[in-house]
Structure formats: C-alpha cells, structure tokens
PDB file of N, CA and C in Angstrom:
ATOM      1  N   MET A   1      28.557 -12.932   3.924  1.00  0.00           N
ATOM      2  CA  MET A   1      28.425 -12.111   2.742  1.00  0.00           C
ATOM      3  C   MET A   1      29.620 -11.185   2.606  1.00  0.00           C
ATOM      4  N   LYS A   2      29.903 -10.859   1.393  1.00  0.00           N
ATOM      5  CA  LYS A   2      31.010  -9.971   1.103  1.00  0.00           C
ATOM      6  C   LYS A   2      30.589  -8.528   1.369  1.00  0.00           C
ATOM      7  N   LYS A   3      31.431  -7.769   2.026  1.00  0.00           N
ATOM      8  CA  LYS A   3      31.109  -6.379   2.320  1.00  0.00           C
ATOM      9  C   LYS A   3      31.335  -5.531   1.067  1.00  0.00           C
ATOM     10  N   VAL A   4      30.361  -4.685   0.775  1.00  0.00           N
ATOM     11  CA  VAL A   4      30.456  -3.810  -0.387  1.00  0.00           C
ATOM     12  C   VAL A   4      31.270  -2.590   0.004  1.00  0.00           C
ATOM     13  N   GLU A   5      32.320  -2.331  -0.755  1.00  0.00           N
ATOM     14  CA  GLU A   5      33.191  -1.209  -0.441  1.00  0.00           C
ATOM     15  C   GLU A   5      32.664   0.105  -0.991  1.00  0.00           C
ATOM     16  N   ASN A   6      31.985   0.033  -2.122  1.00  0.00           N
ATOM     17  CA  ASN A   6      31.506   1.240  -2.764  1.00  0.00           C
ATOM     18  C   ASN A   6      30.012   1.078  -3.016  1.00  0.00           C
ATOM     19  N   ASP A   7      29.204   1.943  -2.437  1.00  0.00           N
ATOM     20  CA  ASP A   7      27.760   1.810  -2.599  1.00  0.00           C
ATOM     21  C   ASP A   7      27.216   2.651  -3.760  1.00  0.00           C
ATOM     22  N   GLN A   8      28.082   3.090  -4.646  1.00  0.00           N
ATOM     23  CA  GLN A   8      27.660   3.875  -5.807  1.00  0.00           C
ATOM     24  C   GLN A   8      27.158   2.949  -6.917  1.00  0.00           C
ATOM     25  N   MET A   9      26.188   3.438  -7.671  1.00  0.00           N
ATOM     26  CA  MET A   9      25.648   2.695  -8.804  1.00  0.00           C
ATOM     27  C   MET A   9      26.686   2.653  -9.922  1.00  0.00           C
ATOM     28  N   ARG A  10      26.825   1.524 -10.561  1.00  0.00           N
ATOM     29  CA  ARG A  10      27.754   1.408 -11.687  1.00  0.00           C
ATOM     30  C   ARG A  10      27.250   2.245 -12.864  1.00  0.00           C
ATOM     31  N   ARG A  11      28.187   2.760 -13.657  1.00  0.00           N
ATOM     32  CA  ARG A  11      27.836   3.609 -14.800  1.00  0.00           C
ATOM     33  C   ARG A  11      26.982   2.883 -15.827  1.00  0.00           C
ATOM     34  N   GLU A  12      27.185   1.565 -15.981  1.00  0.00           N
ATOM     35  CA  GLU A  12      26.440   0.837 -17.006  1.00  0.00           C
ATOM     36  C   GLU A  12      24.978   0.583 -16.635  1.00  0.00           C
ATOM     37  N   TYR A  13      24.614   0.835 -15.388  1.00  0.00           N
ATOM     38  CA  TYR A  13      23.218   0.685 -14.971  1.00  0.00           C
ATOM     39  C   TYR A  13      22.480   1.983 -15.258  1.00  0.00           C
ATOM     40  N   ASP A  14      21.498   1.918 -16.146  1.00  0.00           N
ATOM     41  CA  ASP A  14      20.759   3.112 -16.532  1.00  0.00           C
ATOM     42  C   ASP A  14      19.275   2.890 -16.288  1.00  0.00           C
ATOM     43  N   PHE A  15      18.754   3.541 -15.280  1.00  0.00           N
ATOM     44  CA  PHE A  15      17.333   3.434 -14.958  1.00  0.00           C
ATOM     45  C   PHE A  15      16.584   4.719 -15.321  1.00  0.00           C
ATOM     46  N   SER A  16      17.165   5.540 -16.173  1.00  0.00           N
ATOM     47  CA  SER A  16      16.572   6.836 -16.487  1.00  0.00           C
ATOM     48  C   SER A  16      15.212   6.704 -17.187  1.00  0.00           C
ATOM     49  N   SER A  17      14.967   5.606 -17.874  1.00  0.00           N
ATOM     50  CA  SER A  17      13.671   5.449 -18.539  1.00  0.00           C
ATOM     51  C   SER A  17      12.751   4.504 -17.766  1.00  0.00           C
ATOM     52  N   GLY A  18      13.139   4.163 -16.556  1.00  0.00           N
ATOM     53  CA  GLY A  18      12.320   3.282 -15.736  1.00  0.00           C
ATOM     54  C   GLY A  18      11.067   3.980 -15.241  1.00  0.00           C
ATOM     55  N   ILE A  19      10.057   3.196 -14.903  1.00  0.00           N
ATOM     56  CA  ILE A  19       8.797   3.731 -14.395  1.00  0.00           C
ATOM     57  C   ILE A  19       8.621   3.249 -12.968  1.00  0.00           C
ATOM     58  N   ARG A  20       8.613   4.182 -12.036  1.00  0.00           N
ATOM     59  CA  ARG A  20       8.468   3.846 -10.617  1.00  0.00           C
ATOM     60  C   ARG A  20       7.079   3.265 -10.367  1.00  0.00           C
ATOM     61  N   GLY A  21       7.033   2.132  -9.685  1.00  0.00           N
ATOM     62  CA  GLY A  21       5.765   1.513  -9.306  1.00  0.00           C
ATOM     63  C   GLY A  21       5.017   0.840 -10.444  1.00  0.00           C
ATOM     64  N   LYS A  22       5.686   0.525 -11.530  1.00  0.00           N
ATOM     65  CA  LYS A  22       5.038  -0.044 -12.706  1.00  0.00           C
ATOM     66  C   LYS A  22       4.264  -1.324 -12.378  1.00  0.00           C
ATOM     67  N   TYR A  23       4.795  -2.173 -11.529  1.00  0.00           N
ATOM     68  CA  TYR A  23       4.166  -3.454 -11.231  1.00  0.00           C
ATOM     69  C   TYR A  23       3.410  -3.465  -9.908  1.00  0.00           C
ATOM     70  N   LEU A  24       3.354  -2.346  -9.228  1.00  0.00           N
ATOM     71  CA  LEU A  24       2.684  -2.283  -7.934  1.00  0.00           C
ATOM     72  C   LEU A  24       1.208  -2.657  -8.003  1.00  0.00           C
ATOM     73  N   PRO A  25       0.430  -2.155  -8.974  1.00  0.00           N
ATOM     74  CA  PRO A  25      -0.986  -2.547  -9.019  1.00  0.00           C
ATOM     75  C   PRO A  25      -1.184  -4.057  -9.174  1.00  0.00           C
ATOM     76  N   ARG A  26      -0.340  -4.690  -9.991  1.00  0.00           N
ATOM     77  CA  ARG A  26      -0.439  -6.136 -10.172  1.00  0.00           C
ATOM     78  C   ARG A  26      -0.137  -6.849  -8.860  1.00  0.00           C
ATOM     79  N   LEU A  27       0.862  -6.383  -8.138  1.00  0.00           N
ATOM     80  CA  LEU A  27       1.218  -6.990  -6.863  1.00  0.00           C
ATOM     81  C   LEU A  27       0.095  -6.818  -5.854  1.00  0.00           C
ATOM     82  N   ALA A  28      -0.502  -5.640  -5.816  1.00  0.00           N
ATOM     83  CA  ALA A  28      -1.556  -5.358  -4.851  1.00  0.00           C
ATOM     84  C   ALA A  28      -2.819  -6.170  -5.108  1.00  0.00           C
ATOM     85  N   LYS A  29      -3.043  -6.596  -6.344  1.00  0.00           N
ATOM     86  CA  LYS A  29      -4.261  -7.331  -6.692  1.00  0.00           C
ATOM     87  C   LYS A  29      -4.355  -8.703  -6.040  1.00  0.00           C
ATOM     88  N   GLY A  30      -3.244  -9.400  -5.907  1.00  0.00           N
ATOM     89  CA  GLY A  30      -3.435 -10.741  -5.407  1.00  0.00           C
ATOM     90  C   GLY A  30      -2.205 -11.457  -4.904  1.00  0.00           C
ATOM     91  N   ALA A  31      -1.101 -10.799  -4.847  1.00  0.00           N
ATOM     92  CA  ALA A  31       0.096 -11.485  -4.380  1.00  0.00           C
ATOM     93  C   ALA A  31       0.224 -11.339  -2.869  1.00  0.00           C
ATOM     94  N   ASN A  32       0.548 -12.426  -2.239  1.00  0.00           N
ATOM     95  CA  ASN A  32       0.860 -12.408  -0.815  1.00  0.00           C
ATOM     96  C   ASN A  32       2.311 -12.814  -0.679  1.00  0.00           C
ATOM     97  N   VAL A  33       3.108 -11.921  -0.179  1.00  0.00           N
ATOM     98  CA  VAL A  33       4.522 -12.206  -0.028  1.00  0.00           C
ATOM     99  C   VAL A  33       4.758 -12.745   1.370  1.00  0.00           C
ATOM    100  N   VAL A  34       5.385 -13.899   1.433  1.00  0.00           N
ATOM    101  CA  VAL A  34       5.684 -14.536   2.710  1.00  0.00           C
ATOM    102  C   VAL A  34       7.173 -14.816   2.742  1.00  0.00           C
ATOM    103  N   VAL A  35       7.813 -14.461   3.828  1.00  0.00           N
ATOM    104  CA  VAL A  35       9.243 -14.709   3.974  1.00  0.00           C
ATOM    105  C   VAL A  35       9.424 -15.979   4.808  1.00  0.00           C
ATOM    106  N   LEU A  36      10.116 -16.937   4.231  1.00  0.00           N
ATOM    107  CA  LEU A  36      10.349 -18.201   4.918  1.00  0.00           C
ATOM    108  C   LEU A  36      11.605 -18.116   5.781  1.00  0.00           C
ATOM    109  N   ASP A  37      11.582 -18.798   6.897  1.00  0.00           N
ATOM    110  CA  ASP A  37      12.800 -18.950   7.685  1.00  0.00           C
ATOM    111  C   ASP A  37      13.783 -19.782   6.866  1.00  0.00           C
ATOM    112  N   ARG A  38      15.056 -19.631   7.150  1.00  0.00           N
ATOM    113  CA  ARG A  38      16.081 -20.315   6.346  1.00  0.00           C
ATOM    114  C   ARG A  38      15.920 -21.825   6.317  1.00  0.00           C
ATOM    115  N   ASP A  39      15.569 -22.408   7.455  1.00  0.00           N
ATOM    116  CA  ASP A  39      15.426 -23.866   7.473  1.00  0.00           C
ATOM    117  C   ASP A  39      14.260 -24.314   6.598  1.00  0.00           C
ATOM    118  N   MET A  40      13.200 -23.532   6.528  1.00  0.00           N
ATOM    119  CA  MET A  40      12.067 -23.876   5.671  1.00  0.00           C
ATOM    120  C   MET A  40      12.368 -23.602   4.209  1.00  0.00           C
ATOM    121  N   ALA A  41      13.184 -22.605   3.919  1.00  0.00           N
ATOM    122  CA  ALA A  41      13.565 -22.314   2.536  1.00  0.00           C
ATOM    123  C   ALA A  41      14.389 -23.455   1.951  1.00  0.00           C
ATOM    124  N   LYS A  42      15.096 -24.179   2.797  1.00  0.00           N
ATOM    125  CA  LYS A  42      15.848 -25.343   2.312  1.00  0.00           C
ATOM    126  C   LYS A  42      14.908 -26.490   1.959  1.00  0.00           C
ATOM    127  N   VAL A  43      13.810 -26.605   2.695  1.00  0.00           N
ATOM    128  CA  VAL A  43      12.836 -27.662   2.453  1.00  0.00           C
ATOM    129  C   VAL A  43      11.940 -27.314   1.266  1.00  0.00           C
ATOM    130  N   PHE A  44      11.586 -26.038   1.151  1.00  0.00           N
ATOM    131  CA  PHE A  44      10.697 -25.554   0.095  1.00  0.00           C
ATOM    132  C   PHE A  44      11.443 -24.523  -0.749  1.00  0.00           C
ATOM    133  N   PRO A  45      12.191 -24.954  -1.749  1.00  0.00           N
ATOM    134  CA  PRO A  45      13.061 -24.048  -2.495  1.00  0.00           C
ATOM    135  C   PRO A  45      12.366 -23.170  -3.534  1.00  0.00           C
ATOM    136  N   SER A  46      11.061 -23.372  -3.753  1.00  0.00           N
ATOM    137  CA  SER A  46      10.375 -22.576  -4.775  1.00  0.00           C
ATOM    138  C   SER A  46       8.947 -22.283  -4.335  1.00  0.00           C
ATOM    139  N   SER A  47       8.322 -21.314  -5.009  1.00  0.00           N
ATOM    140  CA  SER A  47       6.917 -20.999  -4.742  1.00  0.00           C
ATOM    141  C   SER A  47       6.040 -22.211  -4.998  1.00  0.00           C
ATOM    142  N   LYS A  48       6.352 -22.942  -6.055  1.00  0.00           N
ATOM    143  CA  LYS A  48       5.559 -24.123  -6.379  1.00  0.00           C
ATOM    144  C   LYS A  48       5.615 -25.154  -5.254  1.00  0.00           C
ATOM    145  N   ALA A  49       6.790 -25.362  -4.688  1.00  0.00           N
ATOM    146  CA  ALA A  49       6.935 -26.321  -3.591  1.00  0.00           C
ATOM    147  C   ALA A  49       6.107 -25.895  -2.379  1.00  0.00           C
ATOM    148  N   VAL A  50       6.126 -24.628  -2.071  1.00  0.00           N
ATOM    149  CA  VAL A  50       5.344 -24.110  -0.927  1.00  0.00           C
ATOM    150  C   VAL A  50       3.858 -24.266  -1.214  1.00  0.00           C
ATOM    151  N   ASN A  51       3.427 -23.858  -2.400  1.00  0.00           N
ATOM    152  CA  ASN A  51       2.001 -23.943  -2.740  1.00  0.00           C
ATOM    153  C   ASN A  51       1.508 -25.379  -2.768  1.00  0.00           C
ATOM    154  N   ASP A  52       2.296 -26.295  -3.308  1.00  0.00           N
ATOM    155  CA  ASP A  52       1.902 -27.705  -3.326  1.00  0.00           C
ATOM    156  C   ASP A  52       1.722 -28.236  -1.906  1.00  0.00           C
ATOM    157  N   ALA A  53       2.665 -27.918  -1.021  1.00  0.00           N
ATOM    158  CA  ALA A  53       2.579 -28.386   0.364  1.00  0.00           C
ATOM    159  C   ALA A  53       1.372 -27.771   1.068  1.00  0.00           C
ATOM    160  N   LEU A  54       1.115 -26.509   0.827  1.00  0.00           N
ATOM    161  CA  LEU A  54      -0.040 -25.859   1.466  1.00  0.00           C
ATOM    162  C   LEU A  54      -1.362 -26.424   0.947  1.00  0.00           C
ATOM    163  N   ARG A  55      -1.409 -26.769  -0.325  1.00  0.00           N
ATOM    164  CA  ARG A  55      -2.631 -27.375  -0.863  1.00  0.00           C
ATOM    165  C   ARG A  55      -2.907 -28.734  -0.213  1.00  0.00           C
ATOM    166  N   VAL A  56      -1.856 -29.522  -0.028  1.00  0.00           N
ATOM    167  CA  VAL A  56      -2.014 -30.818   0.648  1.00  0.00           C
ATOM    168  C   VAL A  56      -2.498 -30.605   2.080  1.00  0.00           C
ATOM    169  N   LEU A  57      -1.909 -29.663   2.767  1.00  0.00           N
ATOM    170  CA  LEU A  57      -2.307 -29.376   4.150  1.00  0.00           C
ATOM    171  C   LEU A  57      -3.743 -28.859   4.221  1.00  0.00           C
ATOM    172  N   ALA A  58      -4.114 -27.966   3.304  1.00  0.00           N
ATOM    173  CA  ALA A  58      -5.474 -27.430   3.287  1.00  0.00           C
ATOM    174  C   ALA A  58      -6.490 -28.524   3.014  1.00  0.00           C
ATOM    175  N   GLU A  59      -6.185 -29.412   2.083  1.00  0.00           N
ATOM    176  CA  GLU A  59      -7.099 -30.520   1.777  1.00  0.00           C
ATOM    177  C   GLU A  59      -7.246 -31.445   2.983  1.00  0.00           C
ATOM    178  N   ALA A  60      -6.154 -31.742   3.658  1.00  0.00           N
ATOM    179  CA  ALA A  60      -6.216 -32.589   4.852  1.00  0.00           C
ATOM    180  C   ALA A  60      -7.068 -31.914   5.925  1.00  0.00           C
ATOM    181  N   GLY A  61      -6.916 -30.621   6.066  1.00  0.00           N
ATOM    182  CA  GLY A  61      -7.729 -29.889   7.044  1.00  0.00           C
ATOM    183  C   GLY A  61      -9.200 -29.918   6.693  1.00  0.00           C
ATOM    184  N   ARG A  62      -9.513 -29.753   5.401  1.00  0.00           N
ATOM    185  CA  ARG A  62     -10.919 -29.808   4.979  1.00  0.00           C
ATOM    186  C   ARG A  62     -11.518 -31.185   5.234  1.00  0.00           C
ATOM    187  N   ARG A  63     -10.733 -32.208   4.968  1.00  0.00           N
ATOM    188  CA  ARG A  63     -11.237 -33.575   5.169  1.00  0.00           C
ATOM    189  C   ARG A  63     -11.539 -33.848   6.632  1.00  0.00           C
ATOM    190  N   HIS A  64     -10.815 -33.216   7.508  1.00  0.00           N
ATOM    191  CA  HIS A  64     -11.014 -33.433   8.942  1.00  0.00           C
ATOM    192  C   HIS A  64     -11.851 -32.340   9.581  1.00  0.00           C
ATOM    193  N   GLY A  65     -12.420 -31.457   8.746  1.00  0.00           N
ATOM    194  CA  GLY A  65     -13.314 -30.424   9.254  1.00  0.00           C
ATOM    195  C   GLY A  65     -12.627 -29.307  10.009  1.00  0.00           C
ATOM    196  N   LYS A  66     -11.313 -29.162   9.826  1.00  0.00           N
ATOM    197  CA  LYS A  66     -10.578 -28.150  10.580  1.00  0.00           C
ATOM    198  C   LYS A  66     -10.527 -26.804   9.868  1.00  0.00           C
ATOM    199  N   ALA A  67     -10.496 -26.805   8.535  1.00  0.00           N
ATOM    200  CA  ALA A  67     -10.376 -25.553   7.788  1.00  0.00           C
ATOM    201  C   ALA A  67     -11.686 -25.246   7.096  1.00  0.00           C
ATOM    202  N   LYS A  68     -12.223 -24.077   7.389  1.00  0.00           N
ATOM    203  CA  LYS A  68     -13.476 -23.659   6.761  1.00  0.00           C
ATOM    204  C   LYS A  68     -13.262 -22.269   6.195  1.00  0.00           C
ATOM    205  N   GLY A  69     -13.148 -22.188   4.880  1.00  0.00           N
ATOM    206  CA  GLY A  69     -12.946 -20.887   4.254  1.00  0.00           C
ATOM    207  C   GLY A  69     -11.606 -20.302   4.628  1.00  0.00           C
ATOM    208  N   GLY A  70     -11.572 -18.978   4.799  1.00  0.00           N
ATOM    209  CA  GLY A  70     -10.325 -18.312   5.101  1.00  0.00           C
ATOM    210  C   GLY A  70     -10.218 -17.875   6.545  1.00  0.00           C
ATOM    211  N   THR A  71     -11.126 -18.346   7.397  1.00  0.00           N
ATOM    212  CA  THR A  71     -11.093 -17.910   8.794  1.00  0.00           C
ATOM    213  C   THR A  71     -10.188 -18.812   9.607  1.00  0.00           C
ATOM    214  N   ARG A  72      -9.703 -18.279  10.666  1.00  0.00           N
ATOM    215  CA  ARG A  72      -8.776 -19.002  11.525  1.00  0.00           C
ATOM    216  C   ARG A  72      -9.449 -19.200  12.882  1.00  0.00           C
ATOM    217  N   GLY A  73      -9.600 -20.424  13.270  1.00  0.00           N
ATOM    218  CA  GLY A  73     -10.196 -20.703  14.567  1.00  0.00           C
ATOM    219  C   GLY A  73      -9.179 -20.590  15.682  1.00  0.00           C
ATOM    220  N   VAL A  74      -9.515 -19.825  16.705  1.00  0.00           N
ATOM    221  CA  VAL A  74      -8.586 -19.635  17.828  1.00  0.00           C
ATOM    222  C   VAL A  74      -9.160 -20.220  19.069  1.00  0.00           C
TER     223      VAL A  74
END
C-alpha cells in the first residue's frame, strides 16, 4: 500500500451536515459482519457468493442431521 504523507482531510470533503450513527440501528438489527481471510476472499468475492456457499453447506448439514437450528455441537 502507498504510504499517506498527509493525514489531513481534503477541503472538498464536507461532513458538517452528516449525522453520526445514522445507520447504526439498522446494522444492529440483523447484520453480522464477518471478516474473511485473504485466501477466502479470493474464492468468495461477494456477500452473495458467501451466502450461497453457506446455504449449500447448511442444507447438506441438515440432510445429514448435523445442523439443528442455530446451536453448535461441541
């Protein structure tokens, strides 16, 4: 990555009318943020790709009796 020489905000960026935390309630309602390792991000380049793969895995688990609800068997 390129090193930033000046960490000052550019003059053309104006956040004076912004609202802090505007989208926080929406995020708290149902979003789960997961950070992928770089090698997995190459395989799954979008949220849709990750969700599709997880749905296939969840269905396979249900068919084999491994996944029941949201609990994790240890």
